Amino acid sequence: MRKVTLGLALINIVLLSGYSHGLTIHTDDPIEREIITFMKNWEKRFNALDFEGLASMMHIPSYRLADGKLEVFEGQENSRRKDDTIAYLKKTGWHRTDYERVDFVHKFPRKVHISVQFARYREDDSLIGRWTSLYILTKLEGKWGMKFRSSWAPMTGD
């Protein structure tokens, strides 16, 4: 009985503390703050399935290496790629993606390499899967943009 009471107390503390999914900023480093803010916006647009918004966050051409295939993004992506991605996510029961971690591998004023970990969840918060990826972001004309992603996560089930 004591274990159950303690467990319920911990659940209440978590719920009442305003726990939320996703990244938080725990650094004073200006580059790291900008990149984490960028990734929070990336997560928000991905979860909204806002492909035009994601494209606006890329420095074109942008690349994604996954499943042995190199995809090139050159702006407004074709509707087939968007439809395939949405169909695959729905097939898995996807409801949202949370970026859980951003580690800085290399950091320069106009280019960063980050190792990210993200998880995909169903609406009931059950886990679909967790993956790590390497992202390269570049800063051009004062704006950070996604240039390259090397990912283990499937997107279309091909």
C-alpha atoms as a PDB file:
ATOM      1  CA  MET A   1       0.000   0.000   0.000  1.00  0.00           C
ATOM      2  CA  ARG A   2       2.851   2.375   0.811  1.00  0.00           C
ATOM      3  CA  LYS A   3       4.348   1.954  -2.683  1.00  0.00           C
ATOM      4  CA  VAL A   4       1.014   2.760  -4.323  1.00  0.00           C
ATOM      5  CA  THR A   5       0.543   5.879  -2.165  1.00  0.00           C
ATOM      6  CA  LEU A   6       4.070   7.081  -2.914  1.00  0.00           C
ATOM      7  CA  GLY A   7       3.554   6.439  -6.645  1.00  0.00           C
ATOM      8  CA  LEU A   8       0.301   8.404  -6.672  1.00  0.00           C
ATOM      9  CA  ALA A   9       1.963  11.245  -4.789  1.00  0.00           C
ATOM     10  CA  LEU A  10       4.733  11.405  -7.391  1.00  0.00           C
ATOM     11  CA  ILE A  11       2.214  11.398 -10.236  1.00  0.00           C
ATOM     12  CA  ASN A  12       0.367  14.308  -8.589  1.00  0.00           C
ATOM     13  CA  ILE A  13       3.616  16.250  -8.159  1.00  0.00           C
ATOM     14  CA  VAL A  14       4.443  15.776 -11.850  1.00  0.00           C
ATOM     15  CA  LEU A  15       0.939  16.759 -12.959  1.00  0.00           C
ATOM     16  CA  LEU A  16       0.750  19.790 -10.684  1.00  0.00           C
ATOM     17  CA  SER A  17       4.245  21.007 -11.577  1.00  0.00           C
ATOM     18  CA  GLY A  18       3.177  21.762 -15.145  1.00  0.00           C
ATOM     19  CA  TYR A  19       5.315  19.086 -16.790  1.00  0.00           C
ATOM     20  CA  SER A  20       5.308  19.444 -20.533  1.00  0.00           C
ATOM     21  CA  HIS A  21       6.816  17.513 -23.409  1.00  0.00           C
ATOM     22  CA  GLY A  22       9.733  18.757 -25.452  1.00  0.00           C
ATOM     23  CA  LEU A  23      12.917  20.717 -25.073  1.00  0.00           C
ATOM     24  CA  THR A  24      13.743  23.354 -22.508  1.00  0.00           C
ATOM     25  CA  ILE A  25      16.595  25.848 -22.589  1.00  0.00           C
ATOM     26  CA  HIS A  26      19.195  25.374 -19.841  1.00  0.00           C
ATOM     27  CA  THR A  27      22.105  27.398 -21.197  1.00  0.00           C
ATOM     28  CA  ASP A  28      23.364  30.952 -21.399  1.00  0.00           C
ATOM     29  CA  ASP A  29      25.348  30.272 -24.574  1.00  0.00           C
ATOM     30  CA  PRO A  30      23.710  32.401 -27.312  1.00  0.00           C
ATOM     31  CA  ILE A  31      24.325  29.880 -30.131  1.00  0.00           C
ATOM     32  CA  GLU A  32      22.914  27.009 -28.087  1.00  0.00           C
ATOM     33  CA  ARG A  33      19.862  29.096 -27.141  1.00  0.00           C
ATOM     34  CA  GLU A  34      19.242  29.954 -30.806  1.00  0.00           C
ATOM     35  CA  ILE A  35      19.555  26.313 -31.884  1.00  0.00           C
ATOM     36  CA  ILE A  36      17.296  24.972 -29.139  1.00  0.00           C
ATOM     37  CA  THR A  37      14.725  27.640 -30.016  1.00  0.00           C
ATOM     38  CA  PHE A  38      15.060  26.590 -33.671  1.00  0.00           C
ATOM     39  CA  MET A  39      14.504  22.932 -32.726  1.00  0.00           C
ATOM     40  CA  LYS A  40      11.449  23.801 -30.629  1.00  0.00           C
ATOM     41  CA  ASN A  41       9.995  25.579 -33.674  1.00  0.00           C
ATOM     42  CA  TRP A  42      10.928  22.611 -35.900  1.00  0.00           C
ATOM     43  CA  GLU A  43       9.109  20.266 -33.492  1.00  0.00           C
ATOM     44  CA  LYS A  44       6.052  22.536 -33.415  1.00  0.00           C
ATOM     45  CA  ARG A  45       5.808  22.651 -37.216  1.00  0.00           C
ATOM     46  CA  PHE A  46       6.404  18.919 -37.587  1.00  0.00           C
ATOM     47  CA  ASN A  47       3.671  18.147 -35.055  1.00  0.00           C
ATOM     48  CA  ALA A  48       1.297  20.439 -36.966  1.00  0.00           C
ATOM     49  CA  LEU A  49       2.294  18.624 -40.193  1.00  0.00           C
ATOM     50  CA  ASP A  50       3.186  22.069 -41.510  1.00  0.00           C
ATOM     51  CA  PHE A  51       5.437  21.006 -44.381  1.00  0.00           C
ATOM     52  CA  GLU A  52       5.562  24.476 -45.877  1.00  0.00           C
ATOM     53  CA  GLY A  53       6.695  25.825 -42.498  1.00  0.00           C
ATOM     54  CA  LEU A  54       9.376  23.123 -42.267  1.00  0.00           C
ATOM     55  CA  ALA A  55      10.564  23.959 -45.788  1.00  0.00           C
ATOM     56  CA  SER A  56      10.889  27.613 -44.735  1.00  0.00           C
ATOM     57  CA  MET A  57      13.263  26.474 -41.968  1.00  0.00           C
ATOM     58  CA  MET A  58      15.616  24.737 -44.410  1.00  0.00           C
ATOM     59  CA  HIS A  59      18.555  26.199 -46.287  1.00  0.00           C
ATOM     60  CA  ILE A  60      17.829  24.923 -49.753  1.00  0.00           C
ATOM     61  CA  PRO A  61      18.950  22.524 -50.965  1.00  0.00           C
ATOM     62  CA  SER A  62      18.617  20.534 -47.768  1.00  0.00           C
ATOM     63  CA  TYR A  63      19.360  16.825 -47.446  1.00  0.00           C
ATOM     64  CA  ARG A  64      18.114  13.844 -45.441  1.00  0.00           C
ATOM     65  CA  LEU A  65      19.938  10.525 -45.334  1.00  0.00           C
ATOM     66  CA  ALA A  66      17.794   7.652 -44.048  1.00  0.00           C
ATOM     67  CA  ASP A  67      17.223   4.023 -44.928  1.00  0.00           C
ATOM     68  CA  GLY A  68      20.207   4.187 -47.296  1.00  0.00           C
ATOM     69  CA  LYS A  69      18.542   6.892 -49.389  1.00  0.00           C
ATOM     70  CA  LEU A  70      19.581  10.511 -49.781  1.00  0.00           C
ATOM     71  CA  GLU A  71      16.595  12.816 -50.190  1.00  0.00           C
ATOM     72  CA  VAL A  72      17.074  16.318 -51.548  1.00  0.00           C
ATOM     73  CA  PHE A  73      14.637  19.027 -50.480  1.00  0.00           C
ATOM     74  CA  GLU A  74      14.553  21.918 -52.886  1.00  0.00           C
ATOM     75  CA  GLY A  75      11.775  24.114 -51.574  1.00  0.00           C
ATOM     76  CA  GLN A  76       8.076  23.468 -51.658  1.00  0.00           C
ATOM     77  CA  GLU A  77       7.999  19.693 -51.544  1.00  0.00           C
ATOM     78  CA  ASN A  78       5.761  17.735 -53.823  1.00  0.00           C
ATOM     79  CA  SER A  79       2.413  16.643 -52.473  1.00  0.00           C
ATOM     80  CA  ARG A  80       3.257  12.941 -52.938  1.00  0.00           C
ATOM     81  CA  ARG A  81       6.125  13.098 -50.421  1.00  0.00           C
ATOM     82  CA  LYS A  82       3.883  14.963 -47.976  1.00  0.00           C
ATOM     83  CA  ASP A  83       1.021  12.486 -48.486  1.00  0.00           C
ATOM     84  CA  ASP A  84       3.368   9.479 -48.088  1.00  0.00           C
ATOM     85  CA  THR A  85       4.760  10.874 -44.839  1.00  0.00           C
ATOM     86  CA  ILE A  86       1.305  11.593 -43.395  1.00  0.00           C
ATOM     87  CA  ALA A  87       0.046   8.142 -44.432  1.00  0.00           C
ATOM     88  CA  TYR A  88       3.029   6.445 -42.793  1.00  0.00           C
ATOM     89  CA  LEU A  89       2.666   8.410 -39.566  1.00  0.00           C
ATOM     90  CA  LYS A  90      -1.068   7.643 -39.386  1.00  0.00           C
ATOM     91  CA  LYS A  91      -0.374   3.956 -40.006  1.00  0.00           C
ATOM     92  CA  THR A  92       1.848   3.898 -36.908  1.00  0.00           C
ATOM     93  CA  GLY A  93      -0.788   5.676 -34.812  1.00  0.00           C
ATOM     94  CA  TRP A  94       1.444   8.764 -34.563  1.00  0.00           C
ATOM     95  CA  HIS A  95       0.091  11.716 -32.613  1.00  0.00           C
ATOM     96  CA  ARG A  96       3.210  13.782 -31.885  1.00  0.00           C
ATOM     97  CA  THR A  97       6.987  13.876 -31.879  1.00  0.00           C
ATOM     98  CA  ASP A  98       8.978  15.158 -28.919  1.00  0.00           C
ATOM     99  CA  TYR A  99      12.595  16.218 -29.229  1.00  0.00           C
ATOM    100  CA  GLU A 100      14.050  15.015 -25.955  1.00  0.00           C
ATOM    101  CA  ARG A 101      17.687  15.955 -26.245  1.00  0.00           C
ATOM    102  CA  VAL A 102      20.029  18.184 -28.259  1.00  0.00           C
ATOM    103  CA  ASP A 103      23.764  17.612 -27.811  1.00  0.00           C
ATOM    104  CA  PHE A 104      26.245  19.930 -29.480  1.00  0.00           C
ATOM    105  CA  VAL A 105      28.925  17.947 -31.316  1.00  0.00           C
ATOM    106  CA  HIS A 106      30.552  20.923 -33.093  1.00  0.00           C
ATOM    107  CA  LYS A 107      29.584  24.552 -32.671  1.00  0.00           C
ATOM    108  CA  PHE A 108      30.725  27.503 -34.732  1.00  0.00           C
ATOM    109  CA  PRO A 109      29.097  30.934 -35.202  1.00  0.00           C
ATOM    110  CA  ARG A 110      27.587  29.946 -38.575  1.00  0.00           C
ATOM    111  CA  LYS A 111      27.398  26.143 -38.435  1.00  0.00           C
ATOM    112  CA  VAL A 112      26.531  23.553 -35.809  1.00  0.00           C
ATOM    113  CA  HIS A 113      26.460  19.772 -35.745  1.00  0.00           C
ATOM    114  CA  ILE A 114      23.967  18.464 -33.219  1.00  0.00           C
ATOM    115  CA  SER A 115      23.041  14.999 -32.092  1.00  0.00           C
ATOM    116  CA  VAL A 116      19.328  14.870 -31.336  1.00  0.00           C
ATOM    117  CA  GLN A 117      17.089  12.307 -29.748  1.00  0.00           C
ATOM    118  CA  PHE A 118      13.388  12.320 -30.437  1.00  0.00           C
ATOM    119  CA  ALA A 119      10.451  10.059 -29.762  1.00  0.00           C
ATOM    120  CA  ARG A 120       7.166   9.496 -31.533  1.00  0.00           C
ATOM    121  CA  TYR A 121       4.018   8.942 -29.477  1.00  0.00           C
ATOM    122  CA  ARG A 122       0.441   7.849 -29.984  1.00  0.00           C
ATOM    123  CA  GLU A 123      -2.447   9.934 -28.635  1.00  0.00           C
ATOM    124  CA  ASP A 124      -2.566   7.818 -25.436  1.00  0.00           C
ATOM    125  CA  ASP A 125       1.133   8.734 -24.837  1.00  0.00           C
ATOM    126  CA  SER A 126       2.326   5.214 -25.619  1.00  0.00           C
ATOM    127  CA  LEU A 127       5.728   5.186 -27.289  1.00  0.00           C
ATOM    128  CA  ILE A 128       6.044   4.280 -30.977  1.00  0.00           C
ATOM    129  CA  GLY A 129       9.815   4.588 -31.044  1.00  0.00           C
ATOM    130  CA  ARG A 130      12.844   6.629 -30.083  1.00  0.00           C
ATOM    131  CA  TRP A 131      15.651   7.601 -32.471  1.00  0.00           C
ATOM    132  CA  THR A 132      18.861   9.578 -32.603  1.00  0.00           C
ATOM    133  CA  SER A 133      19.941  11.663 -35.555  1.00  0.00           C
ATOM    134  CA  LEU A 134      22.760  13.967 -36.576  1.00  0.00           C
ATOM    135  CA  TYR A 135      21.671  17.378 -37.858  1.00  0.00           C
ATOM    136  CA  ILE A 136      23.763  20.096 -39.446  1.00  0.00           C
ATOM    137  CA  LEU A 137      22.351  23.616 -39.266  1.00  0.00           C
ATOM    138  CA  THR A 138      23.853  26.640 -40.972  1.00  0.00           C
ATOM    139  CA  LYS A 139      23.354  30.347 -40.403  1.00  0.00           C
ATOM    140  CA  LEU A 140      22.981  32.346 -43.604  1.00  0.00           C
ATOM    141  CA  GLU A 141      22.079  36.028 -43.711  1.00  0.00           C
ATOM    142  CA  GLY A 142      21.404  35.936 -39.960  1.00  0.00           C
ATOM    143  CA  LYS A 143      18.973  32.986 -40.128  1.00  0.00           C
ATOM    144  CA  TRP A 144      19.551  29.416 -38.925  1.00  0.00           C
ATOM    145  CA  GLY A 145      18.349  26.704 -41.283  1.00  0.00           C
ATOM    146  CA  MET A 146      18.390  22.930 -41.567  1.00  0.00           C
ATOM    147  CA  LYS A 147      21.024  21.837 -44.078  1.00  0.00           C
ATOM    148  CA  PHE A 148      21.491  18.097 -43.456  1.00  0.00           C
ATOM    149  CA  ARG A 149      19.834  15.344 -41.428  1.00  0.00           C
ATOM    150  CA  SER A 150      21.163  11.828 -41.011  1.00  0.00           C
ATOM    151  CA  SER A 151      18.420   9.843 -39.358  1.00  0.00           C
ATOM    152  CA  TRP A 152      17.593   6.327 -38.257  1.00  0.00           C
ATOM    153  CA  ALA A 153      13.892   7.110 -38.142  1.00  0.00           C
ATOM    154  CA  PRO A 154      11.676   5.856 -40.967  1.00  0.00           C
ATOM    155  CA  MET A 155       9.359   8.388 -42.587  1.00  0.00           C
ATOM    156  CA  THR A 156       7.428   6.524 -45.268  1.00  0.00           C
ATOM    157  CA  GLY A 157       7.830   2.863 -44.459  1.00  0.00           C
ATOM    158  CA  ASP A 158       9.468   2.181 -47.827  1.00  0.00           C
END
